[in-house]
N, C-alpha and C. Protein backbone atom coordinates (compact mmCIF):
# COMPACT_ATOMS: atom_id res chain seq x y z
N MET A 1 71.42 -4.81 -72.58
CA MET A 1 72.49 -3.91 -72.20
C MET A 1 73.10 -3.28 -73.45
N SER A 2 73.47 -2.04 -73.36
CA SER A 2 74.00 -1.35 -74.54
C SER A 2 75.48 -1.69 -74.76
N ARG A 3 75.96 -1.35 -75.93
CA ARG A 3 77.35 -1.64 -76.31
C ARG A 3 78.25 -0.52 -75.82
N VAL A 4 78.44 -0.47 -74.49
CA VAL A 4 79.28 0.54 -73.87
C VAL A 4 80.21 -0.15 -72.88
N CYS A 5 81.49 0.21 -72.92
CA CYS A 5 82.46 -0.33 -71.97
C CYS A 5 82.14 0.23 -70.58
N GLU A 6 82.08 -0.65 -69.59
CA GLU A 6 81.71 -0.21 -68.24
C GLU A 6 82.85 0.47 -67.50
N LEU A 7 84.08 0.35 -68.00
CA LEU A 7 85.22 0.98 -67.32
C LEU A 7 85.73 2.22 -68.02
N THR A 8 85.65 2.26 -69.35
CA THR A 8 86.20 3.41 -70.08
C THR A 8 85.12 4.27 -70.70
N GLY A 9 83.90 3.76 -70.83
CA GLY A 9 82.83 4.52 -71.44
C GLY A 9 82.86 4.53 -72.96
N LYS A 10 83.72 3.69 -73.56
CA LYS A 10 83.78 3.63 -75.02
C LYS A 10 82.47 3.10 -75.57
N LYS A 11 82.01 3.68 -76.68
CA LYS A 11 80.78 3.22 -77.31
C LYS A 11 80.91 3.34 -78.82
N ALA A 12 79.85 2.99 -79.53
CA ALA A 12 79.89 2.97 -80.99
C ALA A 12 80.06 4.38 -81.54
N MET A 13 80.82 4.47 -82.65
CA MET A 13 81.00 5.72 -83.37
C MET A 13 80.29 5.60 -84.71
N VAL A 14 79.96 6.72 -85.31
CA VAL A 14 79.28 6.73 -86.60
C VAL A 14 80.25 7.23 -87.66
N GLY A 15 80.20 6.58 -88.82
CA GLY A 15 81.07 6.99 -89.92
C GLY A 15 80.44 6.64 -91.24
N ASN A 16 81.26 6.57 -92.28
CA ASN A 16 80.77 6.28 -93.62
C ASN A 16 81.50 5.08 -94.21
N ASN A 17 80.75 4.25 -94.99
CA ASN A 17 81.37 3.33 -95.92
C ASN A 17 81.65 4.15 -97.17
N VAL A 18 82.85 4.06 -97.70
CA VAL A 18 83.19 4.83 -98.89
C VAL A 18 83.59 3.85 -99.98
N SER A 19 82.84 3.85 -101.08
CA SER A 19 83.13 2.96 -102.19
C SER A 19 84.22 3.54 -103.08
N HIS A 20 84.64 2.77 -104.07
CA HIS A 20 85.65 3.27 -105.01
C HIS A 20 85.13 4.47 -105.80
N ALA A 21 83.81 4.52 -105.98
CA ALA A 21 83.21 5.66 -106.67
C ALA A 21 82.93 6.83 -105.72
N LEU A 22 83.41 6.69 -104.48
CA LEU A 22 83.26 7.70 -103.42
C LEU A 22 81.81 7.92 -103.01
N ASN A 23 80.96 6.90 -103.21
CA ASN A 23 79.61 6.94 -102.64
C ASN A 23 79.73 6.70 -101.15
N ARG A 24 78.98 7.47 -100.38
CA ARG A 24 79.07 7.35 -98.93
C ARG A 24 77.74 6.89 -98.35
N THR A 25 77.80 5.84 -97.52
CA THR A 25 76.63 5.37 -96.79
C THR A 25 77.00 5.27 -95.31
N LYS A 26 76.05 5.58 -94.45
CA LYS A 26 76.32 5.58 -93.01
C LYS A 26 76.58 4.16 -92.51
N ARG A 27 77.45 4.06 -91.52
CA ARG A 27 77.74 2.81 -90.85
C ARG A 27 78.14 3.08 -89.42
N LYS A 28 78.26 2.00 -88.61
CA LYS A 28 78.64 2.10 -87.22
C LYS A 28 79.98 1.41 -87.00
N PHE A 29 80.81 2.00 -86.19
CA PHE A 29 82.03 1.37 -85.72
C PHE A 29 81.77 0.99 -84.26
N ASN A 30 81.47 -0.29 -84.00
CA ASN A 30 81.19 -0.73 -82.64
C ASN A 30 82.49 -0.88 -81.85
N ALA A 31 82.39 -0.68 -80.54
CA ALA A 31 83.54 -0.89 -79.67
C ALA A 31 83.81 -2.39 -79.57
N ASN A 32 85.08 -2.75 -79.40
CA ASN A 32 85.47 -4.15 -79.30
C ASN A 32 85.27 -4.59 -77.85
N LEU A 33 84.08 -5.13 -77.54
CA LEU A 33 83.71 -5.46 -76.17
C LEU A 33 83.73 -6.96 -75.92
N VAL A 34 84.12 -7.35 -74.70
CA VAL A 34 84.06 -8.73 -74.25
C VAL A 34 83.44 -8.76 -72.86
N LYS A 35 82.73 -9.84 -72.58
CA LYS A 35 82.14 -10.03 -71.26
C LYS A 35 83.12 -10.86 -70.44
N LYS A 36 83.54 -10.36 -69.28
CA LYS A 36 84.61 -10.99 -68.53
C LYS A 36 84.32 -10.94 -67.04
N ARG A 37 84.67 -12.03 -66.35
CA ARG A 37 84.53 -12.08 -64.89
C ARG A 37 85.86 -11.73 -64.24
N PHE A 38 85.79 -10.90 -63.19
CA PHE A 38 87.00 -10.52 -62.46
C PHE A 38 86.79 -10.80 -60.99
N TYR A 39 87.85 -11.25 -60.31
CA TYR A 39 87.82 -11.46 -58.87
C TYR A 39 88.43 -10.24 -58.19
N ILE A 40 87.68 -9.67 -57.26
CA ILE A 40 88.16 -8.51 -56.50
C ILE A 40 88.49 -8.99 -55.08
N PRO A 41 89.77 -9.12 -54.75
CA PRO A 41 90.14 -9.67 -53.44
C PRO A 41 89.74 -8.79 -52.26
N GLU A 42 89.71 -7.45 -52.46
CA GLU A 42 89.34 -6.56 -51.36
C GLU A 42 87.90 -6.77 -50.93
N GLU A 43 87.01 -7.01 -51.90
CA GLU A 43 85.60 -7.23 -51.60
C GLU A 43 85.26 -8.71 -51.49
N ASP A 44 86.21 -9.58 -51.86
CA ASP A 44 86.06 -11.04 -51.82
C ASP A 44 84.85 -11.51 -52.63
N ASN A 45 84.70 -10.98 -53.85
CA ASN A 45 83.63 -11.43 -54.72
C ASN A 45 84.01 -11.31 -56.18
N TRP A 46 83.22 -11.95 -57.04
CA TRP A 46 83.42 -11.92 -58.48
C TRP A 46 82.49 -10.90 -59.10
N VAL A 47 82.98 -10.19 -60.12
CA VAL A 47 82.18 -9.20 -60.82
C VAL A 47 82.25 -9.51 -62.31
N THR A 48 81.10 -9.47 -62.99
CA THR A 48 81.07 -9.65 -64.43
C THR A 48 80.92 -8.27 -65.07
N LEU A 49 81.86 -7.94 -65.95
CA LEU A 49 81.87 -6.64 -66.60
C LEU A 49 81.92 -6.81 -68.11
N LYS A 50 81.30 -5.88 -68.82
CA LYS A 50 81.44 -5.79 -70.27
C LYS A 50 82.46 -4.70 -70.54
N VAL A 51 83.68 -5.11 -70.91
CA VAL A 51 84.78 -4.17 -71.06
C VAL A 51 85.36 -4.24 -72.46
N SER A 52 85.98 -3.15 -72.88
CA SER A 52 86.67 -3.13 -74.17
C SER A 52 88.01 -3.85 -74.01
N THR A 53 88.56 -4.29 -75.12
CA THR A 53 89.84 -5.00 -75.05
C THR A 53 90.97 -4.07 -74.63
N SER A 54 90.85 -2.78 -74.94
CA SER A 54 91.87 -1.84 -74.45
C SER A 54 91.77 -1.69 -72.93
N ALA A 55 90.56 -1.80 -72.37
CA ALA A 55 90.40 -1.76 -70.91
C ALA A 55 91.00 -3.02 -70.27
N LEU A 56 90.93 -4.16 -70.98
CA LEU A 56 91.56 -5.38 -70.47
C LEU A 56 93.07 -5.20 -70.33
N LYS A 57 93.68 -4.53 -71.31
CA LYS A 57 95.11 -4.27 -71.24
C LYS A 57 95.42 -3.37 -70.04
N THR A 58 94.55 -2.39 -69.79
CA THR A 58 94.74 -1.50 -68.65
C THR A 58 94.61 -2.26 -67.34
N ILE A 59 93.63 -3.17 -67.28
CA ILE A 59 93.43 -3.98 -66.07
C ILE A 59 94.65 -4.87 -65.82
N ASN A 60 95.21 -5.45 -66.88
CA ASN A 60 96.41 -6.27 -66.73
C ASN A 60 97.59 -5.44 -66.24
N LYS A 61 97.60 -4.17 -66.60
CA LYS A 61 98.72 -3.31 -66.23
C LYS A 61 98.59 -2.77 -64.80
N ILE A 62 97.42 -2.20 -64.45
CA ILE A 62 97.29 -1.54 -63.14
C ILE A 62 96.47 -2.33 -62.13
N GLY A 63 95.76 -3.37 -62.57
CA GLY A 63 94.96 -4.18 -61.66
C GLY A 63 93.49 -3.77 -61.70
N ILE A 64 92.63 -4.73 -61.36
CA ILE A 64 91.18 -4.51 -61.44
C ILE A 64 90.71 -3.49 -60.41
N SER A 65 91.28 -3.51 -59.20
CA SER A 65 90.84 -2.59 -58.15
C SER A 65 91.13 -1.14 -58.54
N ALA A 66 92.32 -0.89 -59.06
CA ALA A 66 92.69 0.47 -59.47
C ALA A 66 91.86 0.91 -60.68
N ALA A 67 91.58 -0.02 -61.59
CA ALA A 67 90.78 0.32 -62.77
C ALA A 67 89.35 0.68 -62.39
N ILE A 68 88.77 -0.06 -61.46
CA ILE A 68 87.40 0.24 -61.01
C ILE A 68 87.38 1.56 -60.25
N LYS A 69 88.40 1.81 -59.44
CA LYS A 69 88.48 3.07 -58.68
C LYS A 69 88.54 4.25 -59.65
N GLU A 70 89.35 4.12 -60.70
CA GLU A 70 89.48 5.18 -61.69
C GLU A 70 88.18 5.38 -62.47
N ALA A 71 87.49 4.28 -62.80
CA ALA A 71 86.21 4.38 -63.53
C ALA A 71 85.14 5.03 -62.66
N ARG A 72 85.14 4.75 -61.36
CA ARG A 72 84.17 5.38 -60.46
C ARG A 72 84.42 6.87 -60.36
N SER A 73 85.68 7.28 -60.35
CA SER A 73 85.97 8.71 -60.24
C SER A 73 85.56 9.46 -61.51
N LYS A 74 85.61 8.78 -62.66
CA LYS A 74 85.20 9.39 -63.91
C LYS A 74 83.70 9.25 -64.17
N GLY A 75 83.02 8.46 -63.34
CA GLY A 75 81.57 8.32 -63.46
C GLY A 75 81.10 7.24 -64.42
N PHE A 76 81.98 6.34 -64.85
CA PHE A 76 81.58 5.28 -65.77
C PHE A 76 81.06 4.05 -65.06
N TYR A 77 81.54 3.81 -63.85
CA TYR A 77 81.17 2.60 -63.10
C TYR A 77 80.36 3.01 -61.89
N LYS A 78 79.32 2.26 -61.58
CA LYS A 78 78.41 2.60 -60.47
C LYS A 78 79.09 2.75 -59.14
């Protein structure tokens, strides 16, 4: 599975390592992802999602059902 948040669509970005001599080499900034199980009471089942930590904060704020509904409308979640 790729390093993409299933609710927000966040993925790795590309940038540069910059030394004190200002030499630049390519590097990746990976998304801060965690694998987490969520219980959805409306469907009465558990779902395992790979989500970013910022998405976890959103889930704590608005709830898993609303977060999944929003991700489906944006096309990130199946």
